[in-house]
């Protein structure tokens, strides 16, 4: 935060990204990804989440302040898990 103290709000963009790969014993495979756009706050907010969550501000607010269920609905991990489940259904019966 010290290095960003003079960076204007418009330039404090940030994103979380994640990728999941699945490889079956027979060699079939697939990958999915998830991304959540946001910005870096000026001070930590809330006690929720972990890592940079108290600094990451998304469309639903600061990840340190939102309920886990709400965060999962827009987070990079939540999006990737949904995509993973949808893709996995093409390979096995769930």
N, C-alpha and C. Protein backbone atom coordinates (compact mmCIF):
# COMPACT_ATOMS: atom_id res chain seq x y z
N UNK A 1 0.81 -1.20 0.00
CA UNK A 1 0.00 0.00 0.00
C UNK A 1 0.86 1.27 0.00
N UNK A 2 1.99 1.18 0.65
CA UNK A 2 2.89 2.34 0.68
C UNK A 2 3.31 2.72 -0.74
N UNK A 3 3.64 1.74 -1.57
CA UNK A 3 4.07 2.01 -2.95
C UNK A 3 2.92 2.52 -3.82
N UNK A 4 1.69 2.25 -3.42
CA UNK A 4 0.52 2.66 -4.20
C UNK A 4 -0.15 3.93 -3.67
N UNK A 5 0.40 4.52 -2.62
CA UNK A 5 -0.30 5.62 -1.96
C UNK A 5 -0.60 6.81 -2.87
N UNK A 6 0.20 7.06 -3.87
CA UNK A 6 -0.04 8.18 -4.78
C UNK A 6 -0.64 7.76 -6.12
N UNK A 7 -1.01 6.50 -6.24
CA UNK A 7 -1.60 6.00 -7.48
C UNK A 7 -3.09 6.34 -7.47
N UNK A 8 -3.58 7.01 -8.51
CA UNK A 8 -5.01 7.37 -8.55
C UNK A 8 -5.91 6.13 -8.65
N UNK A 9 -7.12 6.29 -8.20
CA UNK A 9 -8.10 5.20 -8.16
C UNK A 9 -8.25 4.50 -9.50
N UNK A 10 -8.27 5.25 -10.60
CA UNK A 10 -8.45 4.68 -11.94
C UNK A 10 -7.32 3.75 -12.34
N UNK A 11 -6.16 3.89 -11.70
CA UNK A 11 -5.00 3.08 -12.06
C UNK A 11 -4.72 1.98 -11.03
N UNK A 12 -5.64 1.76 -10.10
CA UNK A 12 -5.44 0.75 -9.07
C UNK A 12 -6.16 -0.56 -9.44
N UNK A 13 -6.25 -0.82 -10.74
CA UNK A 13 -6.95 -2.02 -11.21
C UNK A 13 -6.22 -3.28 -10.76
N UNK A 14 -7.02 -4.32 -10.56
CA UNK A 14 -6.47 -5.60 -10.12
C UNK A 14 -7.40 -6.70 -10.58
N UNK A 15 -6.88 -7.92 -10.58
CA UNK A 15 -7.73 -9.06 -10.91
C UNK A 15 -7.18 -10.30 -10.23
N UNK A 16 -8.10 -11.16 -9.88
CA UNK A 16 -7.77 -12.50 -9.42
C UNK A 16 -8.00 -13.43 -10.60
N UNK A 17 -7.08 -14.35 -10.84
CA UNK A 17 -7.23 -15.34 -11.91
C UNK A 17 -6.86 -16.71 -11.35
N UNK A 18 -7.55 -17.73 -11.86
CA UNK A 18 -7.24 -19.10 -11.47
C UNK A 18 -7.52 -20.02 -12.65
N UNK A 19 -6.78 -21.12 -12.72
CA UNK A 19 -7.01 -22.14 -13.74
C UNK A 19 -7.08 -23.49 -13.05
N UNK A 20 -7.94 -24.36 -13.56
CA UNK A 20 -8.08 -25.72 -13.06
C UNK A 20 -7.89 -26.67 -14.24
N UNK A 21 -7.07 -27.67 -14.05
CA UNK A 21 -6.86 -28.69 -15.09
C UNK A 21 -7.32 -30.04 -14.56
N UNK A 22 -7.90 -30.82 -15.44
CA UNK A 22 -8.35 -32.16 -15.09
C UNK A 22 -7.80 -33.13 -16.14
N UNK A 23 -7.14 -34.17 -15.67
CA UNK A 23 -6.60 -35.19 -16.57
C UNK A 23 -7.11 -36.55 -16.09
N UNK A 24 -7.77 -37.26 -16.98
CA UNK A 24 -8.29 -38.58 -16.66
C UNK A 24 -7.23 -39.64 -16.92
N UNK A 25 -7.35 -40.80 -16.27
CA UNK A 25 -6.37 -41.87 -16.47
C UNK A 25 -6.22 -42.29 -17.94
N UNK A 26 -7.29 -42.13 -18.73
CA UNK A 26 -7.21 -42.53 -20.14
C UNK A 26 -6.59 -41.46 -21.04
N UNK A 27 -6.15 -40.34 -20.45
CA UNK A 27 -5.48 -39.29 -21.21
C UNK A 27 -6.36 -38.12 -21.60
N UNK A 28 -7.69 -38.27 -21.51
CA UNK A 28 -8.56 -37.13 -21.81
C UNK A 28 -8.29 -36.03 -20.78
N UNK A 29 -8.44 -34.80 -21.20
CA UNK A 29 -8.18 -33.70 -20.28
C UNK A 29 -8.97 -32.46 -20.68
N UNK A 30 -9.09 -31.56 -19.74
CA UNK A 30 -9.68 -30.25 -20.02
C UNK A 30 -9.18 -29.26 -18.98
N UNK A 31 -9.28 -27.99 -19.33
CA UNK A 31 -8.94 -26.91 -18.40
C UNK A 31 -10.06 -25.88 -18.41
N UNK A 32 -10.21 -25.20 -17.30
CA UNK A 32 -11.15 -24.10 -17.18
C UNK A 32 -10.44 -22.99 -16.40
N UNK A 33 -11.00 -21.80 -16.48
CA UNK A 33 -10.41 -20.69 -15.73
C UNK A 33 -11.50 -19.77 -15.22
N UNK A 34 -11.11 -18.91 -14.30
CA UNK A 34 -12.02 -17.91 -13.77
C UNK A 34 -11.26 -16.63 -13.50
N UNK A 35 -11.94 -15.51 -13.65
CA UNK A 35 -11.31 -14.21 -13.45
C UNK A 35 -12.30 -13.30 -12.74
N UNK A 36 -11.79 -12.51 -11.84
CA UNK A 36 -12.60 -11.51 -11.14
C UNK A 36 -11.86 -10.18 -11.20
N UNK A 37 -12.49 -9.20 -11.82
CA UNK A 37 -11.89 -7.87 -11.96
C UNK A 37 -12.24 -7.00 -10.76
N UNK A 38 -11.32 -6.11 -10.43
CA UNK A 38 -11.57 -5.19 -9.32
C UNK A 38 -10.49 -4.13 -9.25
N UNK A 39 -10.31 -3.63 -8.03
CA UNK A 39 -9.26 -2.64 -7.80
C UNK A 39 -8.69 -2.85 -6.40
N UNK A 40 -7.55 -2.23 -6.17
CA UNK A 40 -6.89 -2.32 -4.88
C UNK A 40 -7.32 -1.12 -4.05
N UNK A 41 -7.84 -1.39 -2.87
CA UNK A 41 -8.27 -0.32 -1.98
C UNK A 41 -7.09 0.44 -1.40
N UNK A 42 -7.41 1.46 -0.63
CA UNK A 42 -6.36 2.28 -0.02
C UNK A 42 -6.02 1.84 1.40
N UNK A 43 -6.89 1.03 1.99
CA UNK A 43 -6.65 0.52 3.35
C UNK A 43 -7.42 -0.79 3.50
N UNK A 44 -6.92 -1.72 4.32
CA UNK A 44 -7.64 -2.98 4.53
C UNK A 44 -9.05 -2.73 5.08
N UNK A 45 -9.98 -3.58 4.65
CA UNK A 45 -11.37 -3.51 5.11
C UNK A 45 -11.86 -4.88 5.51
N UNK A 46 -12.51 -4.99 6.64
CA UNK A 46 -13.16 -6.22 7.06
C UNK A 46 -12.20 -7.27 7.58
N UNK A 47 -12.81 -8.34 8.06
CA UNK A 47 -12.05 -9.46 8.61
C UNK A 47 -12.25 -10.75 7.84
N UNK A 48 -13.01 -10.69 6.76
CA UNK A 48 -13.31 -11.89 5.99
C UNK A 48 -12.25 -12.21 4.97
N UNK A 49 -12.34 -13.43 4.45
CA UNK A 49 -11.44 -13.86 3.40
C UNK A 49 -10.04 -14.11 3.92
N UNK A 50 -9.09 -14.07 3.00
CA UNK A 50 -7.69 -14.28 3.36
C UNK A 50 -6.81 -13.61 2.31
N UNK A 51 -5.53 -13.59 2.55
CA UNK A 51 -4.62 -12.98 1.58
C UNK A 51 -4.94 -11.52 1.34
N UNK A 52 -5.17 -11.18 0.09
CA UNK A 52 -5.42 -9.78 -0.28
C UNK A 52 -6.91 -9.42 -0.23
N UNK A 53 -7.77 -10.30 0.23
CA UNK A 53 -9.20 -10.02 0.24
C UNK A 53 -9.56 -8.70 0.93
N UNK A 54 -8.93 -8.33 2.05
CA UNK A 54 -9.27 -7.05 2.67
C UNK A 54 -8.88 -5.81 1.84
N UNK A 55 -8.13 -6.02 0.78
CA UNK A 55 -7.73 -4.91 -0.10
C UNK A 55 -8.41 -4.95 -1.46
N UNK A 56 -9.00 -6.08 -1.82
CA UNK A 56 -9.56 -6.26 -3.16
C UNK A 56 -11.02 -5.82 -3.19
N UNK A 57 -11.32 -4.87 -4.06
CA UNK A 57 -12.68 -4.34 -4.18
C UNK A 57 -13.23 -4.73 -5.55
N UNK A 58 -14.33 -5.49 -5.53
CA UNK A 58 -14.96 -5.95 -6.77
C UNK A 58 -16.31 -5.25 -6.94
N UNK A 59 -17.08 -5.73 -7.88
CA UNK A 59 -18.41 -5.18 -8.15
C UNK A 59 -19.34 -5.31 -6.95
N UNK A 60 -19.07 -6.23 -6.03
CA UNK A 60 -19.92 -6.43 -4.86
C UNK A 60 -19.34 -5.78 -3.60
N UNK A 61 -18.21 -5.12 -3.74
CA UNK A 61 -17.57 -4.47 -2.61
C UNK A 61 -16.27 -5.16 -2.25
N UNK A 62 -15.74 -4.80 -1.10
CA UNK A 62 -14.47 -5.35 -0.66
C UNK A 62 -14.65 -6.81 -0.23
N UNK A 63 -13.81 -7.68 -0.74
CA UNK A 63 -13.90 -9.10 -0.41
C UNK A 63 -13.73 -9.36 1.08
N UNK A 64 -13.08 -8.45 1.80
CA UNK A 64 -12.92 -8.61 3.25
C UNK A 64 -14.19 -8.35 4.01
N UNK A 65 -15.20 -7.76 3.36
CA UNK A 65 -16.45 -7.39 4.02
C UNK A 65 -17.66 -8.23 3.62
N UNK A 66 -17.56 -9.03 2.57
CA UNK A 66 -18.74 -9.73 2.07
C UNK A 66 -18.82 -11.15 2.59
N UNK A 67 -20.03 -11.66 2.65
CA UNK A 67 -20.24 -13.05 3.09
C UNK A 67 -19.60 -14.01 2.10
N UNK A 68 -19.08 -15.14 2.59
CA UNK A 68 -18.43 -16.10 1.70
C UNK A 68 -19.29 -16.53 0.52
N UNK A 69 -20.59 -16.72 0.73
CA UNK A 69 -21.47 -17.17 -0.34
C UNK A 69 -21.56 -16.13 -1.45
N UNK A 70 -21.63 -14.86 -1.06
CA UNK A 70 -21.70 -13.78 -2.05
C UNK A 70 -20.37 -13.67 -2.79
N UNK A 71 -19.28 -13.75 -2.06
CA UNK A 71 -17.96 -13.70 -2.69
C UNK A 71 -17.81 -14.83 -3.70
N UNK A 72 -18.22 -16.04 -3.32
CA UNK A 72 -18.10 -17.19 -4.22
C UNK A 72 -18.89 -17.00 -5.51
N UNK A 73 -19.95 -16.21 -5.47
CA UNK A 73 -20.78 -16.02 -6.66
C UNK A 73 -20.09 -15.17 -7.73
N UNK A 74 -19.08 -14.39 -7.35
CA UNK A 74 -18.39 -13.54 -8.32
C UNK A 74 -16.88 -13.76 -8.36
N UNK A 75 -16.35 -14.54 -7.44
CA UNK A 75 -14.90 -14.70 -7.35
C UNK A 75 -14.35 -15.55 -8.49
N UNK A 76 -13.07 -15.42 -8.71
CA UNK A 76 -12.38 -16.21 -9.72
C UNK A 76 -12.51 -17.70 -9.43
N UNK A 77 -12.39 -18.09 -8.18
CA UNK A 77 -12.51 -19.50 -7.82
C UNK A 77 -13.95 -20.00 -8.01
N UNK A 78 -14.92 -19.20 -7.59
CA UNK A 78 -16.31 -19.58 -7.76
C UNK A 78 -16.67 -19.78 -9.23
N UNK A 79 -16.22 -18.86 -10.07
CA UNK A 79 -16.48 -18.98 -11.52
C UNK A 79 -15.80 -20.21 -12.10
N UNK A 80 -14.56 -20.47 -11.67
CA UNK A 80 -13.83 -21.62 -12.21
C UNK A 80 -14.46 -22.93 -11.75
N UNK A 81 -14.91 -23.01 -10.51
CA UNK A 81 -15.54 -24.24 -10.01
C UNK A 81 -16.84 -24.50 -10.76
N UNK A 82 -17.63 -23.46 -11.02
CA UNK A 82 -18.85 -23.63 -11.81
C UNK A 82 -18.52 -24.14 -13.21
N UNK A 83 -17.52 -23.55 -13.83
CA UNK A 83 -17.11 -23.98 -15.18
C UNK A 83 -16.58 -25.42 -15.14
N UNK A 84 -15.84 -25.75 -14.08
CA UNK A 84 -15.31 -27.11 -13.94
C UNK A 84 -16.45 -28.12 -13.83
N UNK A 85 -17.43 -27.83 -13.01
CA UNK A 85 -18.57 -28.74 -12.85
C UNK A 85 -19.31 -28.93 -14.18
N UNK A 86 -19.53 -27.85 -14.90
CA UNK A 86 -20.21 -27.94 -16.20
C UNK A 86 -19.42 -28.76 -17.21
N UNK A 87 -18.11 -28.55 -17.23
CA UNK A 87 -17.27 -29.30 -18.16
C UNK A 87 -17.18 -30.78 -17.76
N UNK A 88 -17.07 -31.03 -16.46
CA UNK A 88 -16.96 -32.39 -15.97
C UNK A 88 -18.20 -33.22 -16.32
N UNK A 89 -19.37 -32.58 -16.35
CA UNK A 89 -20.60 -33.28 -16.70
C UNK A 89 -20.53 -33.89 -18.11
N UNK A 90 -19.71 -33.33 -18.96
CA UNK A 90 -19.55 -33.87 -20.31
C UNK A 90 -18.78 -35.19 -20.31
N UNK A 91 -18.05 -35.45 -19.23
CA UNK A 91 -17.20 -36.63 -19.15
C UNK A 91 -17.75 -37.73 -18.26
N UNK A 92 -18.51 -37.36 -17.23
CA UNK A 92 -19.04 -38.35 -16.29
C UNK A 92 -20.45 -37.95 -15.86
N UNK A 93 -21.18 -38.93 -15.33
CA UNK A 93 -22.50 -38.63 -14.78
C UNK A 93 -22.34 -38.12 -13.35
N UNK A 94 -22.89 -36.95 -13.07
CA UNK A 94 -22.86 -36.41 -11.70
C UNK A 94 -24.20 -36.56 -11.04
